[in-house]
Amino acid sequence: MTRRLGAQCPFCEIVAGRLDADVVDAGRRWLAFKPLKAATPGHVLFVPRRHVTSAVEAPLTTGLIMAAAARYLGAVGPQGNILTSAGPEATQSVFHLHVHVVPRGPSDTLHEDWPWEGLR
């Protein structure tokens, strides 16, 4: 388990119930909650309950989180983006595996180059 130097992992704190979050869905091995800055209405983050630094650290866990995210989007969408970033060069800013589910529609205000501008 890798953590950021000198800081608690905010997503581990949310999973443990020590940090408030607007939880919208949960499973035995994952949790889904609204991000602080939603890109569109319905934008949520899916995270594993155990600390995993990025998608490449635990591919089976990544698959589990992606499957949960796809089921969620299918229920609320069905059109949208499902994405994750691995590492700072890929715009990962919280080093706990998380998958963005961003429902899309004709009236959303995201730019065509999203997610790059939307996540920085």
PDB file of N, CA and C in Angstrom:
ATOM      1  N   MET A   1       0.824  -1.181   0.000  1.00  0.00           N
ATOM      2  CA  MET A   1       0.000   0.000   0.000  1.00  0.00           C
ATOM      3  C   MET A   1       0.868   1.243   0.000  1.00  0.00           C
ATOM      4  N   THR A   2       0.770   2.003  -1.039  1.00  0.00           N
ATOM      5  CA  THR A   2       1.543   3.237  -1.134  1.00  0.00           C
ATOM      6  C   THR A   2       0.649   4.417  -0.803  1.00  0.00           C
ATOM      7  N   ARG A   3       1.119   5.304   0.034  1.00  0.00           N
ATOM      8  CA  ARG A   3       0.363   6.504   0.384  1.00  0.00           C
ATOM      9  C   ARG A   3       1.196   7.716   0.026  1.00  0.00           C
ATOM     10  N   ARG A   4       0.539   8.846  -0.171  1.00  0.00           N
ATOM     11  CA  ARG A   4       1.265  10.084  -0.427  1.00  0.00           C
ATOM     12  C   ARG A   4       2.048  10.445   0.823  1.00  0.00           C
ATOM     13  N   LEU A   5       3.245  10.917   0.626  1.00  0.00           N
ATOM     14  CA  LEU A   5       4.087  11.277   1.756  1.00  0.00           C
ATOM     15  C   LEU A   5       3.450  12.369   2.591  1.00  0.00           C
ATOM     16  N   GLY A   6       3.402  12.141   3.909  1.00  0.00           N
ATOM     17  CA  GLY A   6       2.931  13.163   4.825  1.00  0.00           C
ATOM     18  C   GLY A   6       1.438  13.433   4.780  1.00  0.00           C
ATOM     19  N   ALA A   7       0.653  12.576   4.130  1.00  0.00           N
ATOM     20  CA  ALA A   7      -0.776  12.841   4.049  1.00  0.00           C
ATOM     21  C   ALA A   7      -1.565  11.548   4.148  1.00  0.00           C
ATOM     22  N   GLN A   8      -2.729  11.634   4.767  1.00  0.00           N
ATOM     23  CA  GLN A   8      -3.644  10.513   4.763  1.00  0.00           C
ATOM     24  C   GLN A   8      -4.329  10.473   3.403  1.00  0.00           C
ATOM     25  N   CYS A   9      -4.665   9.299   2.955  1.00  0.00           N
ATOM     26  CA  CYS A   9      -5.386   9.150   1.697  1.00  0.00           C
ATOM     27  C   CYS A   9      -6.836   9.583   1.915  1.00  0.00           C
ATOM     28  N   PRO A  10      -7.301  10.608   1.197  1.00  0.00           N
ATOM     29  CA  PRO A  10      -8.669  11.073   1.428  1.00  0.00           C
ATOM     30  C   PRO A  10      -9.720  10.015   1.088  1.00  0.00           C
ATOM     31  N   PHE A  11      -9.459   9.175   0.102  1.00  0.00           N
ATOM     32  CA  PHE A  11     -10.446   8.162  -0.243  1.00  0.00           C
ATOM     33  C   PHE A  11     -10.495   7.055   0.804  1.00  0.00           C
ATOM     34  N   CYS A  12      -9.365   6.705   1.405  1.00  0.00           N
ATOM     35  CA  CYS A  12      -9.374   5.757   2.529  1.00  0.00           C
ATOM     36  C   CYS A  12     -10.143   6.348   3.708  1.00  0.00           C
ATOM     37  N   GLU A  13     -10.003   7.646   3.913  1.00  0.00           N
ATOM     38  CA  GLU A  13     -10.728   8.322   4.992  1.00  0.00           C
ATOM     39  C   GLU A  13     -12.237   8.290   4.735  1.00  0.00           C
ATOM     40  N   ILE A  14     -12.645   8.457   3.490  1.00  0.00           N
ATOM     41  CA  ILE A  14     -14.069   8.369   3.135  1.00  0.00           C
ATOM     42  C   ILE A  14     -14.573   6.946   3.360  1.00  0.00           C
ATOM     43  N   VAL A  15     -13.831   5.960   2.879  1.00  0.00           N
ATOM     44  CA  VAL A  15     -14.229   4.553   3.052  1.00  0.00           C
ATOM     45  C   VAL A  15     -14.373   4.217   4.533  1.00  0.00           C
ATOM     46  N   ALA A  16     -13.472   4.733   5.367  1.00  0.00           N
ATOM     47  CA  ALA A  16     -13.495   4.451   6.807  1.00  0.00           C
ATOM     48  C   ALA A  16     -14.561   5.255   7.547  1.00  0.00           C
ATOM     49  N   GLY A  17     -15.193   6.205   6.871  1.00  0.00           N
ATOM     50  CA  GLY A  17     -16.216   7.020   7.512  1.00  0.00           C
ATOM     51  C   GLY A  17     -15.685   8.176   8.322  1.00  0.00           C
ATOM     52  N   ARG A  18     -14.409   8.470   8.173  1.00  0.00           N
ATOM     53  CA  ARG A  18     -13.805   9.582   8.920  1.00  0.00           C
ATOM     54  C   ARG A  18     -13.850  10.899   8.157  1.00  0.00           C
ATOM     55  N   LEU A  19     -14.223  10.853   6.896  1.00  0.00           N
ATOM     56  CA  LEU A  19     -14.349  12.045   6.066  1.00  0.00           C
ATOM     57  C   LEU A  19     -15.694  11.948   5.358  1.00  0.00           C
ATOM     58  N   ASP A  20     -16.459  13.022   5.415  1.00  0.00           N
ATOM     59  CA  ASP A  20     -17.790  13.025   4.807  1.00  0.00           C
ATOM     60  C   ASP A  20     -17.723  12.965   3.294  1.00  0.00           C
ATOM     61  N   ALA A  21     -18.677  12.264   2.728  1.00  0.00           N
ATOM     62  CA  ALA A  21     -18.849  12.205   1.277  1.00  0.00           C
ATOM     63  C   ALA A  21     -20.311  11.886   1.004  1.00  0.00           C
ATOM     64  N   ASP A  22     -20.767  12.296  -0.158  1.00  0.00           N
ATOM     65  CA  ASP A  22     -22.129  12.010  -0.588  1.00  0.00           C
ATOM     66  C   ASP A  22     -22.108  10.662  -1.307  1.00  0.00           C
ATOM     67  N   VAL A  23     -22.294   9.583  -0.542  1.00  0.00           N
ATOM     68  CA  VAL A  23     -22.234   8.218  -1.087  1.00  0.00           C
ATOM     69  C   VAL A  23     -23.521   7.937  -1.859  1.00  0.00           C
ATOM     70  N   VAL A  24     -23.366   7.437  -3.088  1.00  0.00           N
ATOM     71  CA  VAL A  24     -24.523   7.160  -3.936  1.00  0.00           C
ATOM     72  C   VAL A  24     -24.724   5.665  -4.202  1.00  0.00           C
ATOM     73  N   ASP A  25     -23.709   4.843  -3.956  1.00  0.00           N
ATOM     74  CA  ASP A  25     -23.820   3.411  -4.201  1.00  0.00           C
ATOM     75  C   ASP A  25     -22.680   2.731  -3.441  1.00  0.00           C
ATOM     76  N   ALA A  26     -22.852   1.465  -3.125  1.00  0.00           N
ATOM     77  CA  ALA A  26     -21.809   0.739  -2.404  1.00  0.00           C
ATOM     78  C   ALA A  26     -21.953  -0.751  -2.640  1.00  0.00           C
ATOM     79  N   GLY A  27     -20.819  -1.407  -2.602  1.00  0.00           N
ATOM     80  CA  GLY A  27     -20.759  -2.856  -2.684  1.00  0.00           C
ATOM     81  C   GLY A  27     -19.830  -3.351  -1.588  1.00  0.00           C
ATOM     82  N   ARG A  28     -19.705  -4.650  -1.472  1.00  0.00           N
ATOM     83  CA  ARG A  28     -18.850  -5.223  -0.423  1.00  0.00           C
ATOM     84  C   ARG A  28     -17.402  -4.773  -0.561  1.00  0.00           C
ATOM     85  N   ARG A  29     -16.918  -4.583  -1.813  1.00  0.00           N
ATOM     86  CA  ARG A  29     -15.509  -4.254  -2.037  1.00  0.00           C
ATOM     87  C   ARG A  29     -15.288  -2.874  -2.632  1.00  0.00           C
ATOM     88  N   TRP A  30     -16.340  -2.062  -2.766  1.00  0.00           N
ATOM     89  CA  TRP A  30     -16.186  -0.746  -3.380  1.00  0.00           C
ATOM     90  C   TRP A  30     -17.220   0.234  -2.822  1.00  0.00           C
ATOM     91  N   LEU A  31     -16.975   1.507  -3.092  1.00  0.00           N
ATOM     92  CA  LEU A  31     -17.845   2.597  -2.662  1.00  0.00           C
ATOM     93  C   LEU A  31     -17.914   3.609  -3.804  1.00  0.00           C
ATOM     94  N   ALA A  32     -19.074   4.216  -3.995  1.00  0.00           N
ATOM     95  CA  ALA A  32     -19.238   5.249  -5.023  1.00  0.00           C
ATOM     96  C   ALA A  32     -19.789   6.505  -4.363  1.00  0.00           C
ATOM     97  N   PHE A  33     -19.172   7.646  -4.686  1.00  0.00           N
ATOM     98  CA  PHE A  33     -19.595   8.910  -4.088  1.00  0.00           C
ATOM     99  C   PHE A  33     -19.403  10.049  -5.074  1.00  0.00           C
ATOM    100  N   LYS A  34     -20.078  11.166  -4.809  1.00  0.00           N
ATOM    101  CA  LYS A  34     -19.969  12.335  -5.671  1.00  0.00           C
ATOM    102  C   LYS A  34     -18.631  13.022  -5.432  1.00  0.00           C
ATOM    103  N   PRO A  35     -17.966  13.473  -6.498  1.00  0.00           N
ATOM    104  CA  PRO A  35     -16.707  14.211  -6.330  1.00  0.00           C
ATOM    105  C   PRO A  35     -16.990  15.633  -5.832  1.00  0.00           C
ATOM    106  N   LEU A  36     -15.944  16.293  -5.356  1.00  0.00           N
ATOM    107  CA  LEU A  36     -16.097  17.675  -4.903  1.00  0.00           C
ATOM    108  C   LEU A  36     -16.483  18.607  -6.042  1.00  0.00           C
ATOM    109  N   LYS A  37     -15.942  18.349  -7.230  1.00  0.00           N
ATOM    110  CA  LYS A  37     -16.258  19.168  -8.405  1.00  0.00           C
ATOM    111  C   LYS A  37     -16.783  18.259  -9.509  1.00  0.00           C
ATOM    112  N   ALA A  38     -18.092  18.167  -9.613  1.00  0.00           N
ATOM    113  CA  ALA A  38     -18.699  17.307 -10.625  1.00  0.00           C
ATOM    114  C   ALA A  38     -18.558  17.939 -12.007  1.00  0.00           C
ATOM    115  N   ALA A  39     -18.212  17.121 -12.980  1.00  0.00           N
ATOM    116  CA  ALA A  39     -18.087  17.594 -14.362  1.00  0.00           C
ATOM    117  C   ALA A  39     -19.453  17.727 -15.022  1.00  0.00           C
ATOM    118  N   THR A  40     -20.373  16.839 -14.665  1.00  0.00           N
ATOM    119  CA  THR A  40     -21.750  16.875 -15.159  1.00  0.00           C
ATOM    120  C   THR A  40     -22.650  16.394 -14.022  1.00  0.00           C
ATOM    121  N   PRO A  41     -23.949  16.660 -14.111  1.00  0.00           N
ATOM    122  CA  PRO A  41     -24.853  16.064 -13.119  1.00  0.00           C
ATOM    123  C   PRO A  41     -24.735  14.537 -13.178  1.00  0.00           C
ATOM    124  N   GLY A  42     -24.659  13.912 -12.032  1.00  0.00           N
ATOM    125  CA  GLY A  42     -24.534  12.463 -11.978  1.00  0.00           C
ATOM    126  C   GLY A  42     -23.110  11.933 -11.940  1.00  0.00           C
ATOM    127  N   HIS A  43     -22.099  12.814 -12.045  1.00  0.00           N
ATOM    128  CA  HIS A  43     -20.695  12.406 -11.989  1.00  0.00           C
ATOM    129  C   HIS A  43     -20.419  11.777 -10.625  1.00  0.00           C
ATOM    130  N   VAL A  44     -19.882  10.568 -10.615  1.00  0.00           N
ATOM    131  CA  VAL A  44     -19.514   9.892  -9.373  1.00  0.00           C
ATOM    132  C   VAL A  44     -18.144   9.242  -9.519  1.00  0.00           C
ATOM    133  N   LEU A  45     -17.535   8.953  -8.387  1.00  0.00           N
ATOM    134  CA  LEU A  45     -16.261   8.239  -8.326  1.00  0.00           C
ATOM    135  C   LEU A  45     -16.486   6.877  -7.689  1.00  0.00           C
ATOM    136  N   PHE A  46     -15.930   5.840  -8.288  1.00  0.00           N
ATOM    137  CA  PHE A  46     -15.941   4.502  -7.717  1.00  0.00           C
ATOM    138  C   PHE A  46     -14.541   4.207  -7.207  1.00  0.00           C
ATOM    139  N   VAL A  47     -14.439   3.747  -5.959  1.00  0.00           N
ATOM    140  CA  VAL A  47     -13.137   3.427  -5.365  1.00  0.00           C
ATOM    141  C   VAL A  47     -13.206   2.062  -4.688  1.00  0.00           C
ATOM    142  N   PRO A  48     -12.088   1.333  -4.674  1.00  0.00           N
ATOM    143  CA  PRO A  48     -12.071   0.102  -3.890  1.00  0.00           C
ATOM    144  C   PRO A  48     -12.006   0.448  -2.396  1.00  0.00           C
ATOM    145  N   ARG A  49     -12.565  -0.407  -1.574  1.00  0.00           N
ATOM    146  CA  ARG A  49     -12.525  -0.178  -0.122  1.00  0.00           C
ATOM    147  C   ARG A  49     -11.113  -0.354   0.434  1.00  0.00           C
ATOM    148  N   ARG A  50     -10.292  -1.177  -0.206  1.00  0.00           N
ATOM    149  CA  ARG A  50      -8.896  -1.297   0.235  1.00  0.00           C
ATOM    150  C   ARG A  50      -8.054  -0.326  -0.576  1.00  0.00           C
ATOM    151  N   HIS A  51      -6.963   0.120   0.008  1.00  0.00           N
ATOM    152  CA  HIS A  51      -6.122   1.090  -0.688  1.00  0.00           C
ATOM    153  C   HIS A  51      -5.354   0.415  -1.821  1.00  0.00           C
ATOM    154  N   VAL A  52      -5.544   0.935  -3.008  1.00  0.00           N
ATOM    155  CA  VAL A  52      -4.817   0.542  -4.212  1.00  0.00           C
ATOM    156  C   VAL A  52      -4.398   1.850  -4.851  1.00  0.00           C
ATOM    157  N   THR A  53      -3.122   2.019  -5.126  1.00  0.00           N
ATOM    158  CA  THR A  53      -2.617   3.305  -5.600  1.00  0.00           C
ATOM    159  C   THR A  53      -3.156   3.694  -6.965  1.00  0.00           C
ATOM    160  N   SER A  54      -3.162   2.766  -7.917  1.00  0.00           N
ATOM    161  CA  SER A  54      -3.641   3.098  -9.261  1.00  0.00           C
ATOM    162  C   SER A  54      -4.134   1.833  -9.954  1.00  0.00           C
ATOM    163  N   ALA A  55      -4.670   2.002 -11.141  1.00  0.00           N
ATOM    164  CA  ALA A  55      -5.233   0.888 -11.906  1.00  0.00           C
ATOM    165  C   ALA A  55      -4.210  -0.198 -12.211  1.00  0.00           C
ATOM    166  N   VAL A  56      -2.939   0.147 -12.327  1.00  0.00           N
ATOM    167  CA  VAL A  56      -1.937  -0.856 -12.691  1.00  0.00           C
ATOM    168  C   VAL A  56      -1.429  -1.656 -11.499  1.00  0.00           C
ATOM    169  N   GLU A  57      -1.689  -1.198 -10.294  1.00  0.00           N
ATOM    170  CA  GLU A  57      -1.206  -1.905  -9.102  1.00  0.00           C
ATOM    171  C   GLU A  57      -1.953  -3.219  -8.874  1.00  0.00           C
ATOM    172  N   ALA A  58      -3.251  -3.244  -9.154  1.00  0.00           N
ATOM    173  CA  ALA A  58      -4.071  -4.428  -8.888  1.00  0.00           C
ATOM    174  C   ALA A  58      -5.104  -4.572 -10.006  1.00  0.00           C
ATOM    175  N   PRO A  59      -4.715  -5.178 -11.127  1.00  0.00           N
ATOM    176  CA  PRO A  59      -5.615  -5.258 -12.280  1.00  0.00           C
ATOM    177  C   PRO A  59      -6.965  -5.927 -11.997  1.00  0.00           C
ATOM    178  N   LEU A  60      -7.002  -6.944 -11.152  1.00  0.00           N
ATOM    179  CA  LEU A  60      -8.283  -7.590 -10.856  1.00  0.00           C
ATOM    180  C   LEU A  60      -9.205  -6.651 -10.089  1.00  0.00           C
ATOM    181  N   THR A  61      -8.658  -5.890  -9.163  1.00  0.00           N
ATOM    182  CA  THR A  61      -9.451  -4.899  -8.441  1.00  0.00           C
ATOM    183  C   THR A  61      -9.928  -3.817  -9.399  1.00  0.00           C
ATOM    184  N   THR A  62      -9.062  -3.399 -10.312  1.00  0.00           N
ATOM    185  CA  THR A  62      -9.452  -2.403 -11.317  1.00  0.00           C
ATOM    186  C   THR A  62     -10.633  -2.923 -12.134  1.00  0.00           C
ATOM    187  N   GLY A  63     -10.589  -4.177 -12.526  1.00  0.00           N
ATOM    188  CA  GLY A  63     -11.693  -4.767 -13.282  1.00  0.00           C
ATOM    189  C   GLY A  63     -12.986  -4.777 -12.492  1.00  0.00           C
ATOM    190  N   LEU A  64     -12.903  -5.097 -11.218  1.00  0.00           N
ATOM    191  CA  LEU A  64     -14.077  -5.091 -10.350  1.00  0.00           C
ATOM    192  C   LEU A  64     -14.681  -3.688 -10.267  1.00  0.00           C
ATOM    193  N   ILE A  65     -13.838  -2.684 -10.101  1.00  0.00           N
ATOM    194  CA  ILE A  65     -14.313  -1.297  -9.998  1.00  0.00           C
ATOM    195  C   ILE A  65     -14.902  -0.844 -11.328  1.00  0.00           C
ATOM    196  N   MET A  66     -14.252  -1.188 -12.437  1.00  0.00           N
ATOM    197  CA  MET A  66     -14.781  -0.828 -13.753  1.00  0.00           C
ATOM    198  C   MET A  66     -16.134  -1.490 -14.001  1.00  0.00           C
ATOM    199  N   ALA A  67     -16.293  -2.740 -13.596  1.00  0.00           N
ATOM    200  CA  ALA A  67     -17.570  -3.430 -13.780  1.00  0.00           C
ATOM    201  C   ALA A  67     -18.673  -2.746 -12.975  1.00  0.00           C
ATOM    202  N   ALA A  68     -18.387  -2.375 -11.743  1.00  0.00           N
ATOM    203  CA  ALA A  68     -19.377  -1.666 -10.920  1.00  0.00           C
ATOM    204  C   ALA A  68     -19.732  -0.327 -11.552  1.00  0.00           C
ATOM    205  N   ALA A  69     -18.730   0.374 -12.071  1.00  0.00           N
ATOM    206  CA  ALA A  69     -18.950   1.667 -12.714  1.00  0.00           C
ATOM    207  C   ALA A  69     -19.801   1.511 -13.973  1.00  0.00           C
ATOM    208  N   ALA A  70     -19.554   0.471 -14.760  1.00  0.00           N
ATOM    209  CA  ALA A  70     -20.323   0.244 -15.985  1.00  0.00           C
ATOM    210  C   ALA A  70     -21.779  -0.086 -15.658  1.00  0.00           C
ATOM    211  N   ARG A  71     -22.000  -0.893 -14.621  1.00  0.00           N
ATOM    212  CA  ARG A  71     -23.379  -1.196 -14.222  1.00  0.00           C
ATOM    213  C   ARG A  71     -24.105   0.074 -13.797  1.00  0.00           C
ATOM    214  N   TYR A  72     -23.420   0.927 -13.044  1.00  0.00           N
ATOM    215  CA  TYR A  72     -24.012   2.182 -12.583  1.00  0.00           C
ATOM    216  C   TYR A  72     -24.367   3.075 -13.778  1.00  0.00           C
ATOM    217  N   LEU A  73     -23.432   3.253 -14.701  1.00  0.00           N
ATOM    218  CA  LEU A  73     -23.704   4.096 -15.863  1.00  0.00           C
ATOM    219  C   LEU A  73     -24.872   3.535 -16.670  1.00  0.00           C
ATOM    220  N   GLY A  74     -24.927   2.232 -16.820  1.00  0.00           N
ATOM    221  CA  GLY A  74     -26.036   1.623 -17.544  1.00  0.00           C
ATOM    222  C   GLY A  74     -27.381   1.918 -16.888  1.00  0.00           C
ATOM    223  N   ALA A  75     -27.388   2.030 -15.572  1.00  0.00           N
ATOM    224  CA  ALA A  75     -28.626   2.305 -14.849  1.00  0.00           C
ATOM    225  C   ALA A  75     -29.018   3.778 -14.903  1.00  0.00           C
ATOM    226  N   VAL A  76     -28.044   4.686 -14.947  1.00  0.00           N
ATOM    227  CA  VAL A  76     -28.358   6.124 -14.920  1.00  0.00           C
ATOM    228  C   VAL A  76     -28.192   6.798 -16.266  1.00  0.00           C
ATOM    229  N   GLY A  77     -27.461   6.194 -17.189  1.00  0.00           N
ATOM    230  CA  GLY A  77     -27.080   6.809 -18.460  1.00  0.00           C
ATOM    231  C   GLY A  77     -28.080   6.579 -19.550  1.00  0.00           C
ATOM    232  N   PRO A  78     -27.738   5.779 -20.485  1.00  0.00           N
ATOM    233  CA  PRO A  78     -26.584   4.899 -20.568  1.00  0.00           C
ATOM    234  C   PRO A  78     -25.383   5.492 -21.297  1.00  0.00           C
ATOM    235  N   GLN A  79     -25.422   6.781 -21.642  1.00  0.00           N
ATOM    236  CA  GLN A  79     -24.279   7.360 -22.345  1.00  0.00           C
ATOM    237  C   GLN A  79     -23.395   8.111 -21.366  1.00  0.00           C
ATOM    238  N   GLY A  80     -22.081   7.999 -21.559  1.00  0.00           N
ATOM    239  CA  GLY A  80     -21.171   8.717 -20.687  1.00  0.00           C
ATOM    240  C   GLY A  80     -19.752   8.231 -20.813  1.00  0.00           C
ATOM    241  N   ASN A  81     -18.911   8.769 -19.943  1.00  0.00           N
ATOM    242  CA  ASN A  81     -17.498   8.396 -19.892  1.00  0.00           C
ATOM    243  C   ASN A  81     -17.246   7.592 -18.628  1.00  0.00           C
ATOM    244  N   ILE A  82     -16.416   6.548 -18.768  1.00  0.00           N
ATOM    245  CA  ILE A  82     -15.907   5.779 -17.632  1.00  0.00           C
ATOM    246  C   ILE A  82     -14.406   5.807 -17.800  1.00  0.00           C
ATOM    247  N   LEU A  83     -13.709   6.416 -16.838  1.00  0.00           N
ATOM    248  CA  LEU A  83     -12.267   6.535 -17.024  1.00  0.00           C
ATOM    249  C   LEU A  83     -11.509   6.566 -15.710  1.00  0.00           C
ATOM    250  N   THR A  84     -10.244   6.208 -15.808  1.00  0.00           N
ATOM    251  CA  THR A  84      -9.324   6.311 -14.685  1.00  0.00           C
ATOM    252  C   THR A  84      -7.979   6.776 -15.228  1.00  0.00           C
ATOM    253  N   SER A  85      -7.171   7.308 -14.355  1.00  0.00           N
ATOM    254  CA  SER A  85      -5.823   7.743 -14.723  1.00  0.00           C
ATOM    255  C   SER A  85      -4.834   7.024 -13.822  1.00  0.00           C
ATOM    256  N   ALA A  86      -3.691   6.642 -14.376  1.00  0.00           N
ATOM    257  CA  ALA A  86      -2.660   5.947 -13.608  1.00  0.00           C
ATOM    258  C   ALA A  86      -1.391   6.784 -13.622  1.00  0.00           C
ATOM    259  N   GLY A  87      -1.139   7.469 -12.524  1.00  0.00           N
ATOM    260  CA  GLY A  87       0.081   8.260 -12.388  1.00  0.00           C
ATOM    261  C   GLY A  87      -0.110   9.736 -12.666  1.00  0.00           C
ATOM    262  N   PRO A  88       0.806  10.535 -12.140  1.00  0.00           N
ATOM    263  CA  PRO A  88       0.684  11.992 -12.287  1.00  0.00           C
ATOM    264  C   PRO A  88       0.759  12.474 -13.730  1.00  0.00           C
ATOM    265  N   GLU A  89       1.518  11.806 -14.576  1.00  0.00           N
ATOM    266  CA  GLU A  89       1.595  12.223 -15.983  1.00  0.00           C
ATOM    267  C   GLU A  89       0.272  12.004 -16.704  1.00  0.00           C
ATOM    268  N   ALA A  90      -0.569  11.154 -16.144  1.00  0.00           N
ATOM    269  CA  ALA A  90      -1.888  10.885 -16.726  1.00  0.00           C
ATOM    270  C   ALA A  90      -2.982  11.664 -16.007  1.00  0.00           C
ATOM    271  N   THR A  91      -2.611  12.668 -15.245  1.00  0.00           N
ATOM    272  CA  THR A  91      -3.494  13.569 -14.482  1.00  0.00           C
ATOM    273  C   THR A  91      -4.064  12.962 -13.213  1.00  0.00           C
ATOM    274  N   GLN A  92      -3.510  11.829 -12.716  1.00  0.00           N
ATOM    275  CA  GLN A  92      -3.987  11.300 -11.439  1.00  0.00           C
ATOM    276  C   GLN A  92      -3.525  12.238 -10.340  1.00  0.00           C
ATOM    277  N   SER A  93      -4.463  12.706  -9.516  1.00  0.00           N
ATOM    278  CA  SER A  93      -4.117  13.642  -8.447  1.00  0.00           C
ATOM    279  C   SER A  93      -4.363  13.071  -7.059  1.00  0.00           C
ATOM    280  N   VAL A  94      -5.226  12.069  -6.932  1.00  0.00           N
ATOM    281  CA  VAL A  94      -5.412  11.351  -5.673  1.00  0.00           C
ATOM    282  C   VAL A  94      -4.913   9.937  -5.935  1.00  0.00           C
ATOM    283  N   PHE A  95      -3.942   9.509  -5.148  1.00  0.00           N
ATOM    284  CA  PHE A  95      -3.265   8.244  -5.429  1.00  0.00           C
ATOM    285  C   PHE A  95      -3.913   7.083  -4.687  1.00  0.00           C
ATOM    286  N   HIS A  96      -5.178   6.910  -5.002  1.00  0.00           N
ATOM    287  CA  HIS A  96      -6.017   5.783  -4.606  1.00  0.00           C
ATOM    288  C   HIS A  96      -6.839   5.514  -5.854  1.00  0.00           C
ATOM    289  N   LEU A  97      -6.804   4.291  -6.351  1.00  0.00           N
ATOM    290  CA  LEU A  97      -7.546   3.948  -7.557  1.00  0.00           C
ATOM    291  C   LEU A  97      -8.952   4.526  -7.482  1.00  0.00           C
ATOM    292  N   HIS A  98      -9.326   5.261  -8.506  1.00  0.00           N
ATOM    293  CA  HIS A  98     -10.701   5.753  -8.612  1.00  0.00           C
ATOM    294  C   HIS A  98     -11.097   5.821 -10.074  1.00  0.00           C
ATOM    295  N   VAL A  99     -12.354   5.504 -10.313  1.00  0.00           N
ATOM    296  CA  VAL A  99     -12.919   5.495 -11.653  1.00  0.00           C
ATOM    297  C   VAL A  99     -14.023   6.540 -11.693  1.00  0.00           C
ATOM    298  N   HIS A 100     -13.904   7.441 -12.648  1.00  0.00           N
ATOM    299  CA  HIS A 100     -14.920   8.469 -12.855  1.00  0.00           C
ATOM    300  C   HIS A 100     -16.027   7.894 -13.730  1.00  0.00           C
ATOM    301  N   VAL A 101     -17.266   8.101 -13.333  1.00  0.00           N
ATOM    302  CA  VAL A 101     -18.428   7.822 -14.171  1.00  0.00           C
ATOM    303  C   VAL A 101     -19.072   9.171 -14.423  1.00  0.00           C
ATOM    304  N   VAL A 102     -19.058   9.588 -15.685  1.00  0.00           N
ATOM    305  CA  VAL A 102     -19.540  10.913 -16.061  1.00  0.00           C
ATOM    306  C   VAL A 102     -20.651  10.759 -17.097  1.00  0.00           C
ATOM    307  N   PRO A 103     -21.909  10.796 -16.647  1.00  0.00           N
ATOM    308  CA  PRO A 103     -23.003  10.729 -17.612  1.00  0.00           C
ATOM    309  C   PRO A 103     -22.913  11.906 -18.583  1.00  0.00           C
ATOM    310  N   ARG A 104     -23.221  11.645 -19.840  1.00  0.00           N
ATOM    311  CA  ARG A 104     -23.150  12.687 -20.868  1.00  0.00           C
ATOM    312  C   ARG A 104     -24.498  12.837 -21.543  1.00  0.00           C
ATOM    313  N   GLY A 105     -24.738  14.033 -22.034  1.00  0.00           N
ATOM    314  CA  GLY A 105     -25.973  14.308 -22.746  1.00  0.00           C
ATOM    315  C   GLY A 105     -25.807  15.537 -23.603  1.00  0.00           C
ATOM    316  N   PRO A 106     -26.789  15.817 -24.442  1.00  0.00           N
ATOM    317  CA  PRO A 106     -26.669  16.948 -25.370  1.00  0.00           C
ATOM    318  C   PRO A 106     -26.567  18.298 -24.679  1.00  0.00           C
ATOM    319  N   SER A 107     -27.021  18.405 -23.440  1.00  0.00           N
ATOM    320  CA  SER A 107     -27.000  19.707 -22.778  1.00  0.00           C
ATOM    321  C   SER A 107     -25.821  19.886 -21.820  1.00  0.00           C
ATOM    322  N   ASP A 108     -24.910  18.886 -21.719  1.00  0.00           N
ATOM    323  CA  ASP A 108     -23.786  19.102 -20.789  1.00  0.00           C
ATOM    324  C   ASP A 108     -22.832  20.142 -21.371  1.00  0.00           C
ATOM    325  N   THR A 109     -22.042  20.718 -20.514  1.00  0.00           N
ATOM    326  CA  THR A 109     -21.179  21.836 -20.922  1.00  0.00           C
ATOM    327  C   THR A 109     -19.709  21.438 -21.029  1.00  0.00           C
ATOM    328  N   LEU A 110     -19.427  20.141 -21.066  1.00  0.00           N
ATOM    329  CA  LEU A 110     -18.034  19.717 -21.192  1.00  0.00           C
ATOM    330  C   LEU A 110     -17.517  20.008 -22.595  1.00  0.00           C
ATOM    331  N   HIS A 111     -16.254  20.349 -22.669  1.00  0.00           N
ATOM    332  CA  HIS A 111     -15.621  20.624 -23.950  1.00  0.00           C
ATOM    333  C   HIS A 111     -15.324  19.316 -24.674  1.00  0.00           C
ATOM    334  N   GLU A 112     -15.125  19.386 -25.967  1.00  0.00           N
ATOM    335  CA  GLU A 112     -14.810  18.191 -26.745  1.00  0.00           C
ATOM    336  C   GLU A 112     -13.513  17.526 -26.299  1.00  0.00           C
ATOM    337  N   ASP A 113     -12.592  18.291 -25.719  1.00  0.00           N
ATOM    338  CA  ASP A 113     -11.318  17.712 -25.293  1.00  0.00           C
ATOM    339  C   ASP A 113     -11.370  17.153 -23.872  1.00  0.00           C
ATOM    340  N   TRP A 114     -12.563  17.120 -23.279  1.00  0.00           N
ATOM    341  CA  TRP A 114     -12.680  16.513 -21.963  1.00  0.00           C
ATOM    342  C   TRP A 114     -12.315  15.048 -22.069  1.00  0.00           C
ATOM    343  N   PRO A 115     -11.649  14.461 -21.109  1.00  0.00           N
ATOM    344  CA  PRO A 115     -11.540  14.863 -19.723  1.00  0.00           C
ATOM    345  C   PRO A 115     -10.314  15.686 -19.398  1.00  0.00           C
ATOM    346  N   TRP A 116      -9.427  15.880 -20.327  1.00  0.00           N
ATOM    347  CA  TRP A 116      -8.139  16.501 -20.019  1.00  0.00           C
ATOM    348  C   TRP A 116      -8.307  17.857 -19.365  1.00  0.00           C
ATOM    349  N   GLU A 117      -9.108  18.731 -19.925  1.00  0.00           N
ATOM    350  CA  GLU A 117      -9.314  20.042 -19.314  1.00  0.00           C
ATOM    351  C   GLU A 117     -10.163  19.940 -18.058  1.00  0.00           C
ATOM    352  N   GLY A 118     -11.089  18.973 -18.036  1.00  0.00           N
ATOM    353  CA  GLY A 118     -11.996  18.845 -16.902  1.00  0.00           C
ATOM    354  C   GLY A 118     -11.343  18.310 -15.644  1.00  0.00           C
ATOM    355  N   LEU A 119     -10.222  17.624 -15.761  1.00  0.00           N
ATOM    356  CA  LEU A 119      -9.608  16.993 -14.591  1.00  0.00           C
ATOM    357  C   LEU A 119      -8.398  17.736 -14.062  1.00  0.00           C
ATOM    358  N   ARG A 120      -7.946  18.763 -14.715  1.00  0.00           N
ATOM    359  CA  ARG A 120      -6.765  19.466 -14.220  1.00  0.00           C
ATOM    360  C   ARG A 120      -7.124  20.578 -13.293  1.00  0.00           C
TER     361      ARG A 120
END
